[in-house]
Structures are given as structure tokens and as C-alpha cells.
Amino acid sequence: MSGKGNCYDNSAVESFFKSLKAELVWGRDWYTRGDVEIALFEYINGFYNPRRKHSALGWKSPVAFEQKAA
């Protein structure tokens, strides 16, 4: 971390939260905190991490990228 005001310090996290909001949060109504917690868990562990194609991996999912590397 280089300090206050450097936009590159947390660019990976900012990119993740943009994807999270665009793909999951915006356009939906949330009625309970439990609904949000379940949806976040399913998004992160069920879609974003294993199956979603990432530009940093050559537009491969993490699972496909790891299988090719192994």
C-alpha cells in the first residue's frame, strides 16, 4: 500500500466489488439479511471463484486454468 489517494492500491478488490454489484446486487430486491448472505456465499463460492471466466486468466475459469496448468 503506497498511501492515501493511490487508486492502484486496491484495484483488484474494486474490480471484484464492481463485478459483484453488477452481476448480483443491482436490479434485485433484498428482503432479509439472510437472503443477502446466502446469495453472496453462492456467488463467491459457486460462481465467481470456480466458474466465472477471468480476463487475467486468458478468459478461462479458475477451474479450467488450474486443470490446464496441472
N, C-alpha and C. Protein backbone atom coordinates (compact mmCIF):
# COMPACT_ATOMS: atom_id res chain seq x y z
N MET A 1 0.84 -1.18 0.00
CA MET A 1 0.00 0.00 0.00
C MET A 1 0.89 1.24 0.00
N SER A 2 0.68 2.07 -0.97
CA SER A 2 1.53 3.24 -1.06
C SER A 2 0.95 4.47 -0.39
N GLY A 3 -0.29 4.41 0.03
CA GLY A 3 -0.83 5.54 0.77
C GLY A 3 -2.14 6.06 0.23
N LYS A 4 -2.63 7.04 0.90
CA LYS A 4 -3.92 7.63 0.59
C LYS A 4 -3.94 8.23 -0.81
N GLY A 5 -5.01 7.96 -1.54
CA GLY A 5 -5.20 8.58 -2.84
C GLY A 5 -4.63 7.81 -4.02
N ASN A 6 -4.00 6.68 -3.78
CA ASN A 6 -3.45 5.90 -4.89
C ASN A 6 -4.49 4.88 -5.33
N CYS A 7 -5.05 5.06 -6.50
CA CYS A 7 -6.14 4.21 -6.96
C CYS A 7 -5.68 2.79 -7.29
N TYR A 8 -4.39 2.57 -7.41
CA TYR A 8 -3.90 1.24 -7.78
C TYR A 8 -3.70 0.33 -6.56
N ASP A 9 -3.82 0.87 -5.37
CA ASP A 9 -3.61 0.08 -4.17
C ASP A 9 -4.59 -1.08 -4.05
N ASN A 10 -5.83 -0.82 -4.36
CA ASN A 10 -6.83 -1.85 -4.17
C ASN A 10 -7.63 -2.11 -5.44
N SER A 11 -7.00 -2.04 -6.58
CA SER A 11 -7.70 -2.18 -7.85
C SER A 11 -8.33 -3.56 -8.01
N ALA A 12 -7.69 -4.60 -7.51
CA ALA A 12 -8.27 -5.95 -7.63
C ALA A 12 -9.56 -6.06 -6.83
N VAL A 13 -9.56 -5.50 -5.64
CA VAL A 13 -10.76 -5.54 -4.80
C VAL A 13 -11.86 -4.67 -5.40
N GLU A 14 -11.51 -3.51 -5.91
CA GLU A 14 -12.50 -2.64 -6.54
C GLU A 14 -13.12 -3.33 -7.75
N SER A 15 -12.31 -4.03 -8.53
CA SER A 15 -12.82 -4.76 -9.68
C SER A 15 -13.78 -5.86 -9.26
N PHE A 16 -13.42 -6.59 -8.20
CA PHE A 16 -14.30 -7.65 -7.69
C PHE A 16 -15.64 -7.07 -7.25
N PHE A 17 -15.62 -5.99 -6.47
CA PHE A 17 -16.86 -5.42 -5.98
C PHE A 17 -17.72 -4.85 -7.11
N LYS A 18 -17.10 -4.33 -8.15
CA LYS A 18 -17.86 -3.88 -9.33
C LYS A 18 -18.57 -5.05 -9.97
N SER A 19 -17.86 -6.16 -10.15
CA SER A 19 -18.48 -7.36 -10.73
C SER A 19 -19.60 -7.88 -9.84
N LEU A 20 -19.36 -7.92 -8.55
CA LEU A 20 -20.35 -8.39 -7.60
C LEU A 20 -21.63 -7.56 -7.68
N LYS A 21 -21.48 -6.26 -7.68
CA LYS A 21 -22.65 -5.39 -7.74
C LYS A 21 -23.38 -5.51 -9.07
N ALA A 22 -22.65 -5.53 -10.16
CA ALA A 22 -23.28 -5.59 -11.48
C ALA A 22 -23.96 -6.93 -11.73
N GLU A 23 -23.35 -8.01 -11.30
CA GLU A 23 -23.87 -9.34 -11.60
C GLU A 23 -24.85 -9.88 -10.57
N LEU A 24 -24.82 -9.35 -9.35
CA LEU A 24 -25.65 -9.91 -8.30
C LEU A 24 -26.58 -8.89 -7.64
N VAL A 25 -26.05 -7.75 -7.27
CA VAL A 25 -26.79 -6.84 -6.39
C VAL A 25 -27.77 -5.94 -7.13
N TRP A 26 -27.28 -5.23 -8.15
CA TRP A 26 -28.13 -4.26 -8.83
C TRP A 26 -29.30 -4.95 -9.52
N GLY A 27 -30.45 -4.35 -9.42
CA GLY A 27 -31.62 -4.88 -10.10
C GLY A 27 -32.39 -5.93 -9.32
N ARG A 28 -32.00 -6.18 -8.08
CA ARG A 28 -32.71 -7.16 -7.26
C ARG A 28 -33.19 -6.50 -5.98
N ASP A 29 -34.29 -7.00 -5.47
CA ASP A 29 -34.79 -6.55 -4.17
C ASP A 29 -34.38 -7.57 -3.12
N TRP A 30 -33.85 -7.09 -2.03
CA TRP A 30 -33.42 -7.96 -0.94
C TRP A 30 -34.36 -7.74 0.23
N TYR A 31 -34.92 -8.81 0.76
CA TYR A 31 -35.93 -8.69 1.81
C TYR A 31 -35.36 -8.99 3.20
N THR A 32 -34.36 -9.87 3.27
CA THR A 32 -33.77 -10.17 4.57
C THR A 32 -32.26 -10.21 4.44
N ARG A 33 -31.59 -10.03 5.56
CA ARG A 33 -30.14 -10.14 5.59
C ARG A 33 -29.70 -11.56 5.24
N GLY A 34 -30.48 -12.54 5.66
CA GLY A 34 -30.17 -13.93 5.35
C GLY A 34 -30.17 -14.20 3.86
N ASP A 35 -31.11 -13.60 3.14
CA ASP A 35 -31.15 -13.75 1.67
C ASP A 35 -29.86 -13.22 1.05
N VAL A 36 -29.40 -12.09 1.54
CA VAL A 36 -28.17 -11.48 1.02
C VAL A 36 -26.97 -12.36 1.33
N GLU A 37 -26.88 -12.86 2.56
CA GLU A 37 -25.74 -13.70 2.95
C GLU A 37 -25.68 -14.96 2.10
N ILE A 38 -26.80 -15.60 1.88
CA ILE A 38 -26.83 -16.82 1.07
C ILE A 38 -26.44 -16.51 -0.37
N ALA A 39 -27.00 -15.44 -0.92
CA ALA A 39 -26.68 -15.07 -2.30
C ALA A 39 -25.20 -14.73 -2.46
N LEU A 40 -24.63 -14.01 -1.50
CA LEU A 40 -23.20 -13.69 -1.57
C LEU A 40 -22.34 -14.94 -1.50
N PHE A 41 -22.68 -15.84 -0.60
CA PHE A 41 -21.91 -17.07 -0.48
C PHE A 41 -21.98 -17.88 -1.78
N GLU A 42 -23.18 -18.02 -2.33
CA GLU A 42 -23.33 -18.79 -3.56
C GLU A 42 -22.62 -18.12 -4.74
N TYR A 43 -22.64 -16.80 -4.79
CA TYR A 43 -21.97 -16.08 -5.87
C TYR A 43 -20.46 -16.27 -5.80
N ILE A 44 -19.90 -16.06 -4.62
CA ILE A 44 -18.45 -16.12 -4.47
C ILE A 44 -17.93 -17.55 -4.60
N ASN A 45 -18.53 -18.48 -3.89
CA ASN A 45 -18.00 -19.84 -3.86
C ASN A 45 -18.57 -20.75 -4.94
N GLY A 46 -19.69 -20.38 -5.52
CA GLY A 46 -20.29 -21.23 -6.53
C GLY A 46 -20.10 -20.76 -7.95
N PHE A 47 -19.95 -19.44 -8.13
CA PHE A 47 -19.83 -18.90 -9.49
C PHE A 47 -18.55 -18.12 -9.70
N TYR A 48 -18.31 -17.10 -8.90
CA TYR A 48 -17.19 -16.20 -9.16
C TYR A 48 -15.85 -16.92 -9.10
N ASN A 49 -15.60 -17.67 -8.06
CA ASN A 49 -14.30 -18.32 -7.92
C ASN A 49 -14.10 -19.49 -8.88
N PRO A 50 -14.99 -20.48 -8.96
CA PRO A 50 -14.68 -21.64 -9.78
C PRO A 50 -15.07 -21.54 -11.25
N ARG A 51 -16.18 -20.86 -11.60
CA ARG A 51 -16.69 -20.96 -12.95
C ARG A 51 -16.61 -19.70 -13.80
N ARG A 52 -16.58 -18.54 -13.17
CA ARG A 52 -16.60 -17.29 -13.92
C ARG A 52 -15.29 -17.11 -14.68
N LYS A 53 -15.39 -16.73 -15.95
CA LYS A 53 -14.19 -16.51 -16.76
C LYS A 53 -13.55 -15.19 -16.37
N HIS A 54 -12.24 -15.21 -16.15
CA HIS A 54 -11.49 -14.04 -15.69
C HIS A 54 -10.52 -13.58 -16.78
N SER A 55 -10.46 -12.29 -17.01
CA SER A 55 -9.57 -11.75 -18.03
C SER A 55 -8.11 -12.03 -17.70
N ALA A 56 -7.76 -12.02 -16.43
CA ALA A 56 -6.37 -12.25 -16.03
C ALA A 56 -5.92 -13.69 -16.29
N LEU A 57 -6.87 -14.59 -16.52
CA LEU A 57 -6.54 -15.99 -16.79
C LEU A 57 -6.74 -16.33 -18.26
N GLY A 58 -6.71 -15.33 -19.11
CA GLY A 58 -6.91 -15.58 -20.53
C GLY A 58 -8.34 -15.99 -20.85
N TRP A 59 -9.27 -15.42 -20.12
CA TRP A 59 -10.71 -15.70 -20.27
C TRP A 59 -11.05 -17.16 -20.05
N LYS A 60 -10.35 -17.77 -19.11
CA LYS A 60 -10.65 -19.13 -18.66
C LYS A 60 -11.19 -19.05 -17.24
N SER A 61 -11.98 -20.04 -16.87
CA SER A 61 -12.42 -20.09 -15.47
C SER A 61 -11.24 -20.56 -14.63
N PRO A 62 -11.23 -20.25 -13.34
CA PRO A 62 -10.15 -20.72 -12.49
C PRO A 62 -9.99 -22.24 -12.50
N VAL A 63 -11.10 -22.96 -12.55
CA VAL A 63 -11.03 -24.43 -12.59
C VAL A 63 -10.35 -24.89 -13.87
N ALA A 64 -10.75 -24.35 -15.02
CA ALA A 64 -10.15 -24.72 -16.30
C ALA A 64 -8.67 -24.33 -16.34
N PHE A 65 -8.35 -23.16 -15.80
CA PHE A 65 -6.96 -22.70 -15.79
C PHE A 65 -6.09 -23.64 -14.96
N GLU A 66 -6.57 -24.03 -13.79
CA GLU A 66 -5.82 -24.94 -12.93
C GLU A 66 -5.67 -26.32 -13.56
N GLN A 67 -6.72 -26.80 -14.22
CA GLN A 67 -6.63 -28.12 -14.86
C GLN A 67 -5.61 -28.12 -15.98
N LYS A 68 -5.54 -27.03 -16.73
CA LYS A 68 -4.56 -26.93 -17.81
C LYS A 68 -3.14 -26.85 -17.27
N ALA A 69 -2.98 -26.17 -16.14
CA ALA A 69 -1.65 -25.99 -15.55
C ALA A 69 -1.14 -27.26 -14.87
N ALA A 70 -2.05 -28.13 -14.47
CA ALA A 70 -1.66 -29.34 -13.74
C ALA A 70 -1.10 -30.42 -14.63
